[in-house]
Protein backbone atom coordinates (compact mmCIF):
# COMPACT_ATOMS: atom_id res chain seq x y z
CA MET A 1 98.33 92.37 107.31
CA MET A 2 99.60 93.81 104.04
CA GLN A 3 98.42 95.52 100.80
CA ILE A 4 99.60 94.24 97.43
CA THR A 5 99.47 96.78 94.93
CA ALA A 6 99.94 95.81 91.22
CA VAL A 7 99.96 97.93 88.11
CA PHE A 8 99.86 95.97 84.61
CA ASN A 9 97.82 96.01 81.20
CA ARG A 10 94.18 96.14 81.18
CA HIS A 11 93.69 92.92 78.92
CA CYS A 12 95.17 90.96 81.81
CA LEU A 13 92.56 92.07 84.33
CA ASN A 14 89.75 89.25 83.69
CA ASP A 15 92.00 86.52 84.10
CA VAL A 16 93.84 87.84 87.25
CA LEU A 17 90.46 88.58 88.85
CA ARG A 18 89.38 85.06 87.79
CA GLU A 19 92.28 83.43 89.36
CA LEU A 20 92.12 85.53 92.59
CA PHE A 21 88.39 84.84 93.18
CA ASP A 22 88.97 80.93 92.59
CA ASN A 23 91.37 81.27 95.33
CA LEU A 24 88.74 82.94 97.60
CA ILE A 25 90.73 86.38 97.59
CA GLU A 26 87.71 88.75 96.52
CA GLY A 27 88.42 91.86 98.23
CA VAL A 28 89.95 93.97 95.52
CA THR A 29 89.81 97.57 94.21
CA VAL A 30 90.70 98.21 90.62
CA MET A 31 91.55 101.55 89.06
CA ASP A 32 92.55 102.85 85.65
CA VAL A 33 95.77 104.64 85.81
CA ILE A 34 98.30 106.08 83.37
CA GLY A 35 102.07 106.07 83.68
CA LYS A 36 105.48 105.03 82.27
CA GLY A 37 107.85 102.64 83.37
CA SER A 38 111.74 102.37 83.13
CA LEU A 39 111.77 102.65 79.26
CA GLY A 40 112.37 106.48 78.96
CA ILE A 41 109.98 109.21 78.04
CA ALA A 42 108.95 110.05 74.62
CA GLU A 43 107.39 113.11 73.88
CA LYS A 44 104.41 113.85 71.27
CA ASN A 45 103.40 117.33 70.73
CA ASN A 46 105.04 118.26 74.12
CA ALA A 47 103.35 115.93 76.28
CA PRO A 48 105.17 112.97 77.82
CA ASP A 49 104.03 109.41 76.40
CA LEU A 50 101.97 107.78 79.17
CA PHE A 51 100.47 104.38 78.82
CA PRO A 52 97.04 103.15 80.08
CA LYS A 53 97.19 100.30 82.96
CA VAL A 54 95.19 99.24 85.60
CA MET A 55 96.14 99.34 89.36
CA LEU A 56 94.83 96.48 91.69
CA LEU A 57 94.81 96.98 95.40
CA ILE A 58 94.28 93.95 97.75
CA VAL A 59 94.70 93.67 101.25
CA VAL A 60 95.57 90.32 102.63
CA SER A 61 95.69 88.86 106.19
CA ASP A 62 98.79 86.68 106.24
CA ASN A 63 101.74 85.43 104.02
CA ASN A 64 99.99 82.37 102.48
CA ASN A 65 97.06 84.92 101.06
CA LYS A 66 99.92 87.35 99.81
CA LYS A 67 101.74 84.30 98.13
CA THR A 68 98.60 83.28 96.39
CA ALA A 69 97.61 86.74 95.19
CA MET A 70 101.11 87.66 93.80
CA GLU A 71 101.32 84.33 92.03
CA ALA A 72 97.73 84.86 90.46
CA ILE A 73 98.97 88.31 89.19
CA ARG A 74 102.32 87.03 88.02
CA ALA A 75 100.85 84.09 86.44
CA HIS A 76 98.57 86.19 83.96
CA THR A 77 101.02 89.21 83.38
CA GLN A 78 104.53 88.06 83.68
CA ASP A 79 104.98 86.70 80.08
CA LEU A 80 104.28 90.36 78.52
CA GLY A 81 107.87 91.58 78.17
CA HIS A 82 108.96 95.04 78.85
CA GLY A 83 105.90 97.35 80.27
CA ALA A 84 104.27 94.08 81.89
CA GLY A 85 103.71 96.12 85.12
CA LYS A 86 105.04 96.04 88.62
CA MET A 87 103.89 95.05 92.01
CA TRP A 88 104.82 95.88 95.54
CA VAL A 89 103.68 95.23 99.07
CA THR A 90 103.35 97.62 101.99
CA PRO A 91 102.27 96.90 105.57
CA VAL A 92 98.74 97.75 106.67
CA LEU A 93 98.39 98.83 110.39
CA GLU A 94 94.62 98.48 110.63
CA VAL A 95 91.55 97.73 108.74
CA GLU A 96 87.88 98.37 109.73
CA ARG A 97 84.66 96.94 107.95
CA ILE A 98 82.57 100.34 107.80
CA ARG A 99 79.39 98.44 108.02
CA THR A 100 79.97 96.18 110.90
CA GLY A 101 82.83 97.67 112.82
CA GLU A 102 84.68 94.59 112.72
CA LYS A 103 88.59 95.07 112.85
CA ASP A 104 91.67 93.66 111.12
CA GLU A 105 91.54 89.90 110.07
CA SER A 106 87.96 89.63 110.83
CA ALA A 107 87.25 92.74 108.67
CA LEU A 108 88.89 90.85 105.82
CA ALA A 109 87.22 87.62 106.34
CA GLN A 110 84.36 86.74 104.20
CA PRO A 111 80.89 87.19 105.94
CA ALA A 112 79.17 84.04 107.08
CA PRO A 113 76.47 82.91 104.74
CA ARG A 114 72.92 83.89 105.44
CA THR A 115 71.05 81.33 107.56
CA THR A 116 67.68 82.56 106.33
CA PRO A 117 67.16 83.13 102.47
CA LYS A 118 66.59 86.45 101.41
CA THR A 119 63.04 87.01 99.92
CA ASN A 120 61.94 89.48 97.45
CA THR A 121 58.75 90.25 99.62
CA HIS A 122 57.75 93.88 99.21
CA PHE A 123 54.57 95.67 100.36
CA THR A 124 52.36 98.16 98.92
CA ALA A 125 49.82 100.48 100.24
CA VAL A 126 47.07 98.14 99.05
CA ASP A 127 48.26 94.99 101.20
CA THR A 128 49.71 96.92 104.30
CA PRO A 129 47.47 97.04 107.33
CA SER A 130 46.78 100.73 108.24
CA SER A 131 45.15 100.30 111.78
């Protein structure tokens, strides 16, 4: 298992997410961040010139999903020139789905679809037996 971390311009986010979701990679975390790359630092009013970006975190179970996710990010951010962003991969030792206790690859898998349809049934004091 590995985590892909990508930092890139916010206006690319919807296209990247759409491509990930189309490829069944749905477990993502997105954060607004600021920072600077390797272009040097310019100061305005004694403050460093930092640029707003988004950081995307994705944990995948295998190399195929890693390649798919990285290509989805690259496809929508690579042509931006300087300041397009960075992405890196780090190993993940353990994952647990909090709700069910599933671990590792099974915690990353999408849950099976419901066998019974979810209904919007609700009860009020008028229609609930009180015996």
